[in-house]
């Protein structure tokens, strides 16, 4: 059985991070990229938190979906969320990209530039919101 309390608490965490990231996107890009700015570190933290929560939610929902196996890789979680109808198929590619970026944030953090991070947060927020909406709709169908 899906633990709705856990899923909803993770969704709330994602939304809070999205809200913080949206404020960073609205700040002048020059402020974000200026030497000594803490904005990239704040963005990195909230992006890591939100992506971690996305894949925690995904893994939990797939474990409770009755699928034959539990995907362990983030990319597999992304594709199976679409396969099982938890998220719409048009979100699958964005989730796969999020999985890849999450791995970069965690394992190749030293290669990520502030410019790249700014670009990612400018482009990923709408997909994160769509994920939250999709999971909420899925919970409503259970």
N, C-alpha and C. Protein backbone atom coordinates (compact mmCIF):
# COMPACT_ATOMS: atom_id res chain seq x y z
N UNK A 1 0.84 -1.18 0.00
CA UNK A 1 0.00 0.00 0.00
C UNK A 1 0.89 1.25 0.00
N UNK A 2 0.50 2.21 -0.79
CA UNK A 2 1.24 3.47 -0.88
C UNK A 2 1.12 4.22 0.44
N UNK A 3 2.25 4.66 0.95
CA UNK A 3 2.27 5.47 2.16
C UNK A 3 2.06 6.92 1.74
N UNK A 4 0.81 7.34 1.77
CA UNK A 4 0.45 8.67 1.29
C UNK A 4 1.13 9.78 2.10
N UNK A 5 1.29 9.56 3.38
CA UNK A 5 1.92 10.59 4.22
C UNK A 5 3.36 10.82 3.78
N UNK A 6 4.08 9.74 3.55
CA UNK A 6 5.47 9.86 3.10
C UNK A 6 5.54 10.52 1.73
N UNK A 7 4.70 10.07 0.81
CA UNK A 7 4.72 10.64 -0.54
C UNK A 7 4.38 12.12 -0.49
N UNK A 8 3.33 12.47 0.23
CA UNK A 8 2.94 13.88 0.29
C UNK A 8 3.99 14.75 0.97
N UNK A 9 4.66 14.21 1.98
CA UNK A 9 5.71 15.01 2.63
C UNK A 9 6.87 15.25 1.68
N UNK A 10 7.20 14.27 0.84
CA UNK A 10 8.26 14.45 -0.16
C UNK A 10 7.82 15.46 -1.23
N UNK A 11 6.55 15.40 -1.61
CA UNK A 11 6.05 16.35 -2.60
C UNK A 11 6.11 17.77 -2.05
N UNK A 12 5.78 17.94 -0.79
CA UNK A 12 5.88 19.26 -0.15
C UNK A 12 7.32 19.74 -0.17
N UNK A 13 8.25 18.85 0.11
CA UNK A 13 9.67 19.21 0.08
C UNK A 13 10.08 19.66 -1.32
N UNK A 14 9.60 18.94 -2.34
CA UNK A 14 9.92 19.31 -3.73
C UNK A 14 9.38 20.71 -4.03
N UNK A 15 8.14 20.96 -3.65
CA UNK A 15 7.53 22.26 -3.92
C UNK A 15 8.27 23.38 -3.20
N UNK A 16 8.67 23.15 -1.97
CA UNK A 16 9.44 24.18 -1.25
C UNK A 16 10.76 24.47 -1.96
N UNK A 17 11.41 23.43 -2.44
CA UNK A 17 12.67 23.63 -3.17
C UNK A 17 12.42 24.35 -4.49
N UNK A 18 11.36 23.99 -5.18
CA UNK A 18 11.02 24.67 -6.43
C UNK A 18 10.80 26.16 -6.16
N UNK A 19 10.07 26.47 -5.11
CA UNK A 19 9.81 27.87 -4.77
C UNK A 19 11.11 28.63 -4.53
N UNK A 20 12.05 28.02 -3.81
CA UNK A 20 13.34 28.67 -3.57
C UNK A 20 14.12 28.83 -4.88
N UNK A 21 14.09 27.79 -5.71
CA UNK A 21 14.80 27.85 -6.99
C UNK A 21 14.19 28.91 -7.91
N UNK A 22 12.88 29.05 -7.88
CA UNK A 22 12.23 30.08 -8.70
C UNK A 22 12.71 31.48 -8.31
N UNK A 23 12.90 31.70 -7.02
CA UNK A 23 13.41 33.01 -6.58
C UNK A 23 14.83 33.23 -7.11
N UNK A 24 15.62 32.17 -7.16
CA UNK A 24 16.99 32.30 -7.69
C UNK A 24 16.97 32.58 -9.19
N UNK A 25 16.04 31.96 -9.90
CA UNK A 25 15.93 32.18 -11.35
C UNK A 25 15.55 33.64 -11.63
N UNK A 26 14.74 34.22 -10.76
CA UNK A 26 14.29 35.60 -10.95
C UNK A 26 15.38 36.63 -10.64
N UNK A 27 16.37 36.20 -9.86
CA UNK A 27 17.48 37.11 -9.55
C UNK A 27 18.28 37.38 -10.82
N UNK A 28 18.90 38.53 -10.92
CA UNK A 28 19.73 38.79 -12.10
C UNK A 28 20.81 37.71 -12.25
N UNK A 29 20.98 37.26 -13.47
CA UNK A 29 21.96 36.21 -13.75
C UNK A 29 23.36 36.65 -13.31
N UNK A 30 23.66 37.91 -13.45
CA UNK A 30 24.97 38.43 -13.04
C UNK A 30 25.20 38.22 -11.55
N UNK A 31 24.13 38.37 -10.74
CA UNK A 31 24.26 38.14 -9.30
C UNK A 31 24.55 36.67 -9.02
N UNK A 32 23.86 35.80 -9.74
CA UNK A 32 24.05 34.36 -9.57
C UNK A 32 25.49 33.98 -9.90
N UNK A 33 26.01 34.54 -10.98
CA UNK A 33 27.33 34.14 -11.49
C UNK A 33 28.49 34.96 -10.93
N UNK A 34 28.19 35.96 -10.12
CA UNK A 34 29.28 36.81 -9.63
C UNK A 34 30.21 36.02 -8.70
N UNK A 35 31.50 36.33 -8.76
CA UNK A 35 32.46 35.64 -7.89
C UNK A 35 32.08 35.80 -6.42
N UNK A 36 32.15 34.72 -5.69
CA UNK A 36 31.82 34.76 -4.27
C UNK A 36 30.35 34.67 -3.96
N UNK A 37 29.50 34.55 -4.97
CA UNK A 37 28.06 34.45 -4.75
C UNK A 37 27.72 33.10 -4.11
N UNK A 38 26.83 33.13 -3.14
CA UNK A 38 26.34 31.90 -2.52
C UNK A 38 25.14 31.32 -3.25
N UNK A 39 24.64 32.03 -4.25
CA UNK A 39 23.44 31.57 -4.95
C UNK A 39 23.63 30.21 -5.64
N UNK A 40 24.76 29.94 -6.27
CA UNK A 40 24.93 28.60 -6.86
C UNK A 40 24.89 27.47 -5.82
N UNK A 41 25.47 27.70 -4.66
CA UNK A 41 25.43 26.68 -3.61
C UNK A 41 24.01 26.44 -3.11
N UNK A 42 23.25 27.51 -3.00
CA UNK A 42 21.84 27.38 -2.59
C UNK A 42 21.06 26.63 -3.66
N UNK A 43 21.30 26.97 -4.92
CA UNK A 43 20.62 26.29 -6.02
C UNK A 43 20.99 24.81 -6.03
N UNK A 44 22.27 24.52 -5.88
CA UNK A 44 22.73 23.13 -5.87
C UNK A 44 22.03 22.34 -4.77
N UNK A 45 21.96 22.91 -3.60
CA UNK A 45 21.34 22.23 -2.47
C UNK A 45 19.86 21.93 -2.73
N UNK A 46 19.14 22.92 -3.20
CA UNK A 46 17.70 22.72 -3.42
C UNK A 46 17.44 21.81 -4.62
N UNK A 47 18.28 21.88 -5.62
CA UNK A 47 18.12 20.98 -6.76
C UNK A 47 18.40 19.54 -6.34
N UNK A 48 19.46 19.33 -5.56
CA UNK A 48 19.77 17.99 -5.06
C UNK A 48 18.62 17.44 -4.20
N UNK A 49 18.12 18.26 -3.32
CA UNK A 49 17.02 17.83 -2.45
C UNK A 49 15.78 17.46 -3.27
N UNK A 50 15.44 18.31 -4.21
CA UNK A 50 14.22 18.05 -4.98
C UNK A 50 14.38 16.81 -5.86
N UNK A 51 15.53 16.65 -6.50
CA UNK A 51 15.74 15.46 -7.33
C UNK A 51 15.80 14.19 -6.49
N UNK A 52 16.41 14.28 -5.33
CA UNK A 52 16.41 13.12 -4.43
C UNK A 52 15.00 12.72 -4.04
N UNK A 53 14.19 13.71 -3.73
CA UNK A 53 12.79 13.43 -3.35
C UNK A 53 12.00 12.87 -4.52
N UNK A 54 12.24 13.37 -5.73
CA UNK A 54 11.55 12.84 -6.92
C UNK A 54 11.79 11.34 -7.03
N UNK A 55 13.04 10.93 -6.90
CA UNK A 55 13.35 9.52 -7.10
C UNK A 55 13.00 8.68 -5.88
N UNK A 56 12.95 9.27 -4.69
CA UNK A 56 12.43 8.55 -3.52
C UNK A 56 10.94 8.25 -3.72
N UNK A 57 10.21 9.26 -4.16
CA UNK A 57 8.77 9.08 -4.42
C UNK A 57 8.57 8.05 -5.52
N UNK A 58 9.33 8.19 -6.59
CA UNK A 58 9.20 7.25 -7.70
C UNK A 58 9.46 5.82 -7.28
N UNK A 59 10.54 5.61 -6.54
CA UNK A 59 10.87 4.25 -6.08
C UNK A 59 9.74 3.70 -5.20
N UNK A 60 9.23 4.52 -4.30
CA UNK A 60 8.16 4.06 -3.41
C UNK A 60 6.91 3.69 -4.19
N UNK A 61 6.50 4.55 -5.12
CA UNK A 61 5.29 4.27 -5.89
C UNK A 61 5.46 3.02 -6.76
N UNK A 62 6.63 2.84 -7.33
CA UNK A 62 6.86 1.64 -8.14
C UNK A 62 6.89 0.38 -7.29
N UNK A 63 7.44 0.48 -6.09
CA UNK A 63 7.47 -0.68 -5.20
C UNK A 63 6.06 -1.12 -4.83
N UNK A 64 5.16 -0.15 -4.77
CA UNK A 64 3.77 -0.46 -4.39
C UNK A 64 2.86 -0.68 -5.59
N UNK A 65 3.41 -0.59 -6.80
CA UNK A 65 2.59 -0.71 -8.01
C UNK A 65 2.33 -2.15 -8.42
N UNK A 66 3.04 -3.07 -7.82
CA UNK A 66 2.85 -4.46 -8.19
C UNK A 66 3.69 -4.88 -9.38
N UNK A 67 4.65 -4.04 -9.75
CA UNK A 67 5.54 -4.38 -10.85
C UNK A 67 6.41 -5.56 -10.47
N UNK A 68 6.94 -6.27 -11.46
CA UNK A 68 7.70 -7.48 -11.21
C UNK A 68 9.05 -7.24 -10.51
N UNK A 69 9.64 -6.08 -10.69
CA UNK A 69 10.93 -5.80 -10.07
C UNK A 69 11.03 -4.34 -9.71
N UNK A 70 11.80 -4.07 -8.70
CA UNK A 70 11.99 -2.70 -8.25
C UNK A 70 13.22 -2.12 -8.93
N UNK A 71 13.04 -1.10 -9.74
CA UNK A 71 14.21 -0.50 -10.40
C UNK A 71 15.10 0.19 -9.37
N UNK A 72 16.39 -0.01 -9.52
CA UNK A 72 17.34 0.59 -8.60
C UNK A 72 18.00 1.82 -9.19
N UNK A 73 18.17 1.86 -10.50
CA UNK A 73 18.79 3.00 -11.14
C UNK A 73 17.76 4.10 -11.33
N UNK A 74 18.20 5.33 -11.17
CA UNK A 74 17.29 6.45 -11.30
C UNK A 74 16.66 6.52 -12.69
N UNK A 75 17.43 6.22 -13.72
CA UNK A 75 16.90 6.24 -15.08
C UNK A 75 15.77 5.21 -15.21
N UNK A 76 15.92 4.05 -14.61
CA UNK A 76 14.87 3.03 -14.65
C UNK A 76 13.63 3.46 -13.89
N UNK A 77 13.84 4.17 -12.80
CA UNK A 77 12.69 4.70 -12.06
C UNK A 77 11.93 5.65 -12.96
N UNK A 78 12.64 6.52 -13.65
CA UNK A 78 12.00 7.50 -14.54
C UNK A 78 11.19 6.81 -15.63
N UNK A 79 11.77 5.83 -16.29
CA UNK A 79 11.05 5.17 -17.40
C UNK A 79 9.88 4.35 -16.88
N UNK A 80 10.03 3.73 -15.73
CA UNK A 80 8.93 2.92 -15.20
C UNK A 80 7.79 3.76 -14.65
N UNK A 81 8.07 4.96 -14.19
CA UNK A 81 6.99 5.84 -13.76
C UNK A 81 6.05 6.12 -14.93
N UNK A 82 6.61 6.32 -16.11
CA UNK A 82 5.78 6.54 -17.30
C UNK A 82 5.12 5.22 -17.73
N UNK A 83 5.86 4.15 -17.70
CA UNK A 83 5.36 2.83 -18.12
C UNK A 83 4.13 2.41 -17.32
N UNK A 84 4.15 2.70 -16.01
CA UNK A 84 3.04 2.31 -15.14
C UNK A 84 1.95 3.39 -15.06
N UNK A 85 2.10 4.47 -15.83
CA UNK A 85 1.07 5.50 -15.87
C UNK A 85 1.03 6.40 -14.65
N UNK A 86 2.10 6.41 -13.89
CA UNK A 86 2.16 7.27 -12.70
C UNK A 86 2.40 8.71 -13.13
N UNK A 87 3.20 8.87 -14.17
CA UNK A 87 3.41 10.18 -14.79
C UNK A 87 3.09 10.04 -16.28
N UNK A 88 2.74 11.12 -16.95
CA UNK A 88 2.46 11.03 -18.39
C UNK A 88 3.73 10.70 -19.17
N UNK A 89 3.55 10.06 -20.30
CA UNK A 89 4.70 9.64 -21.10
C UNK A 89 5.55 10.81 -21.56
N UNK A 90 4.94 11.99 -21.74
CA UNK A 90 5.73 13.13 -22.19
C UNK A 90 6.66 13.68 -21.10
N UNK A 91 6.54 13.19 -19.88
CA UNK A 91 7.43 13.59 -18.79
C UNK A 91 8.60 12.63 -18.64
N UNK A 92 8.52 11.48 -19.29
CA UNK A 92 9.57 10.47 -19.15
C UNK A 92 10.95 10.99 -19.51
N UNK A 93 11.09 11.62 -20.65
CA UNK A 93 12.39 12.12 -21.09
C UNK A 93 12.96 13.13 -20.10
N UNK A 94 12.11 14.02 -19.61
CA UNK A 94 12.58 15.02 -18.64
C UNK A 94 13.06 14.33 -17.35
N UNK A 95 12.35 13.29 -16.92
CA UNK A 95 12.77 12.57 -15.72
C UNK A 95 14.08 11.83 -15.94
N UNK A 96 14.27 11.29 -17.12
CA UNK A 96 15.55 10.63 -17.43
C UNK A 96 16.68 11.66 -17.37
N UNK A 97 16.44 12.84 -17.92
CA UNK A 97 17.46 13.90 -17.85
C UNK A 97 17.72 14.31 -16.39
N UNK A 98 16.66 14.36 -15.58
CA UNK A 98 16.83 14.69 -14.17
C UNK A 98 17.67 13.63 -13.47
N UNK A 99 17.44 12.36 -13.83
CA UNK A 99 18.22 11.26 -13.26
C UNK A 99 19.70 11.44 -13.59
N UNK A 100 19.97 11.77 -14.82
CA UNK A 100 21.37 11.98 -15.22
C UNK A 100 21.98 13.18 -14.50
N UNK A 101 21.20 14.23 -14.37
CA UNK A 101 21.73 15.41 -13.72
C UNK A 101 21.92 15.17 -12.22
N UNK A 102 21.03 14.42 -11.63
CA UNK A 102 21.18 14.08 -10.22
C UNK A 102 22.50 13.34 -10.00
N UNK A 103 22.82 12.42 -10.90
CA UNK A 103 24.08 11.69 -10.79
C UNK A 103 25.28 12.63 -10.94
N UNK A 104 25.16 13.60 -11.85
CA UNK A 104 26.24 14.59 -12.01
C UNK A 104 26.41 15.42 -10.74
N UNK A 105 25.31 15.83 -10.15
CA UNK A 105 25.37 16.63 -8.93
C UNK A 105 26.07 15.88 -7.80
N UNK A 106 25.80 14.60 -7.71
CA UNK A 106 26.33 13.80 -6.60
C UNK A 106 27.74 13.29 -6.87
N UNK A 107 27.98 12.81 -8.08
CA UNK A 107 29.25 12.14 -8.35
C UNK A 107 30.27 12.98 -9.11
N UNK A 108 29.80 13.97 -9.86
CA UNK A 108 30.71 14.79 -10.66
C UNK A 108 30.52 16.27 -10.35
N UNK A 109 30.21 16.56 -9.10
CA UNK A 109 29.94 17.92 -8.65
C UNK A 109 31.08 18.88 -8.99
N UNK A 110 32.30 18.36 -9.02
CA UNK A 110 33.47 19.20 -9.29
C UNK A 110 33.53 19.67 -10.75
N UNK A 111 32.74 19.05 -11.62
CA UNK A 111 32.71 19.44 -13.03
C UNK A 111 31.61 20.44 -13.36
N UNK A 112 30.70 20.65 -12.44
CA UNK A 112 29.53 21.49 -12.71
C UNK A 112 29.89 22.96 -12.52
N UNK A 113 29.65 23.73 -13.56
CA UNK A 113 29.92 25.16 -13.48
C UNK A 113 28.68 25.89 -12.99
N UNK A 114 28.89 27.09 -12.49
CA UNK A 114 27.75 27.91 -12.06
C UNK A 114 26.83 28.22 -13.24
N UNK A 115 27.42 28.43 -14.40
CA UNK A 115 26.65 28.69 -15.62
C UNK A 115 25.74 27.50 -15.94
N UNK A 116 26.29 26.29 -15.87
CA UNK A 116 25.49 25.09 -16.13
C UNK A 116 24.37 24.95 -15.11
N UNK A 117 24.68 25.17 -13.85
CA UNK A 117 23.68 25.07 -12.80
C UNK A 117 22.56 26.08 -13.01
N UNK A 118 22.92 27.30 -13.39
CA UNK A 118 21.91 28.32 -13.65
C UNK A 118 21.00 27.89 -14.80
N UNK A 119 21.61 27.37 -15.85
CA UNK A 119 20.83 26.90 -17.00
C UNK A 119 19.86 25.78 -16.61
N UNK A 120 20.34 24.86 -15.81
CA UNK A 120 19.49 23.73 -15.39
C UNK A 120 18.30 24.23 -14.59
N UNK A 121 18.55 25.09 -13.61
CA UNK A 121 17.41 25.52 -12.79
C UNK A 121 16.43 26.37 -13.59
N UNK A 122 16.91 27.03 -14.63
CA UNK A 122 16.00 27.81 -15.48
C UNK A 122 15.10 26.91 -16.32
N UNK A 123 15.54 25.68 -16.55
CA UNK A 123 14.80 24.79 -17.46
C UNK A 123 14.07 23.63 -16.80
N UNK A 124 14.40 23.28 -15.57
CA UNK A 124 13.86 22.07 -14.98
C UNK A 124 12.62 22.30 -14.09
N UNK A 125 12.39 23.52 -13.69
CA UNK A 125 11.34 23.76 -12.69
C UNK A 125 9.95 23.39 -13.17
N UNK A 126 9.65 23.68 -14.43
CA UNK A 126 8.31 23.33 -14.94
C UNK A 126 8.11 21.81 -14.93
N UNK A 127 9.16 21.05 -15.20
CA UNK A 127 9.06 19.59 -15.19
C UNK A 127 8.94 19.06 -13.76
N UNK A 128 9.61 19.70 -12.82
CA UNK A 128 9.45 19.29 -11.42
C UNK A 128 8.02 19.54 -10.96
N UNK A 129 7.46 20.69 -11.34
CA UNK A 129 6.06 20.97 -10.97
C UNK A 129 5.11 19.95 -11.62
N UNK A 130 5.39 19.61 -12.87
CA UNK A 130 4.55 18.64 -13.57
C UNK A 130 4.64 17.27 -12.89
N UNK A 131 5.82 16.92 -12.40
CA UNK A 131 5.97 15.67 -11.65
C UNK A 131 5.07 15.68 -10.41
N UNK A 132 5.14 16.76 -9.64
CA UNK A 132 4.33 16.87 -8.43
C UNK A 132 2.84 16.75 -8.77
N UNK A 133 2.40 17.48 -9.79
CA UNK A 133 0.99 17.42 -10.20
C UNK A 133 0.60 16.02 -10.65
N UNK A 134 1.47 15.35 -11.35
CA UNK A 134 1.19 14.00 -11.86
C UNK A 134 1.05 13.01 -10.71
N UNK A 135 1.94 13.10 -9.74
CA UNK A 135 1.87 12.19 -8.59
C UNK A 135 0.63 12.48 -7.78
N UNK A 136 0.29 13.75 -7.60
CA UNK A 136 -0.94 14.08 -6.86
C UNK A 136 -2.15 13.51 -7.57
N UNK A 137 -2.19 13.61 -8.90
CA UNK A 137 -3.29 13.05 -9.67
C UNK A 137 -3.32 11.52 -9.54
N UNK A 138 -2.16 10.90 -9.57
CA UNK A 138 -2.07 9.45 -9.41
C UNK A 138 -2.62 9.03 -8.05
N UNK A 139 -2.23 9.76 -6.99
CA UNK A 139 -2.74 9.44 -5.67
C UNK A 139 -4.26 9.57 -5.62
N UNK A 140 -4.80 10.53 -6.35
CA UNK A 140 -6.25 10.71 -6.41
C UNK A 140 -6.96 9.55 -7.12
N UNK A 141 -6.25 8.84 -7.97
CA UNK A 141 -6.83 7.70 -8.67
C UNK A 141 -6.76 6.40 -7.88
N UNK A 142 -5.97 6.40 -6.82
CA UNK A 142 -5.82 5.16 -6.03
C UNK A 142 -7.02 4.91 -5.15
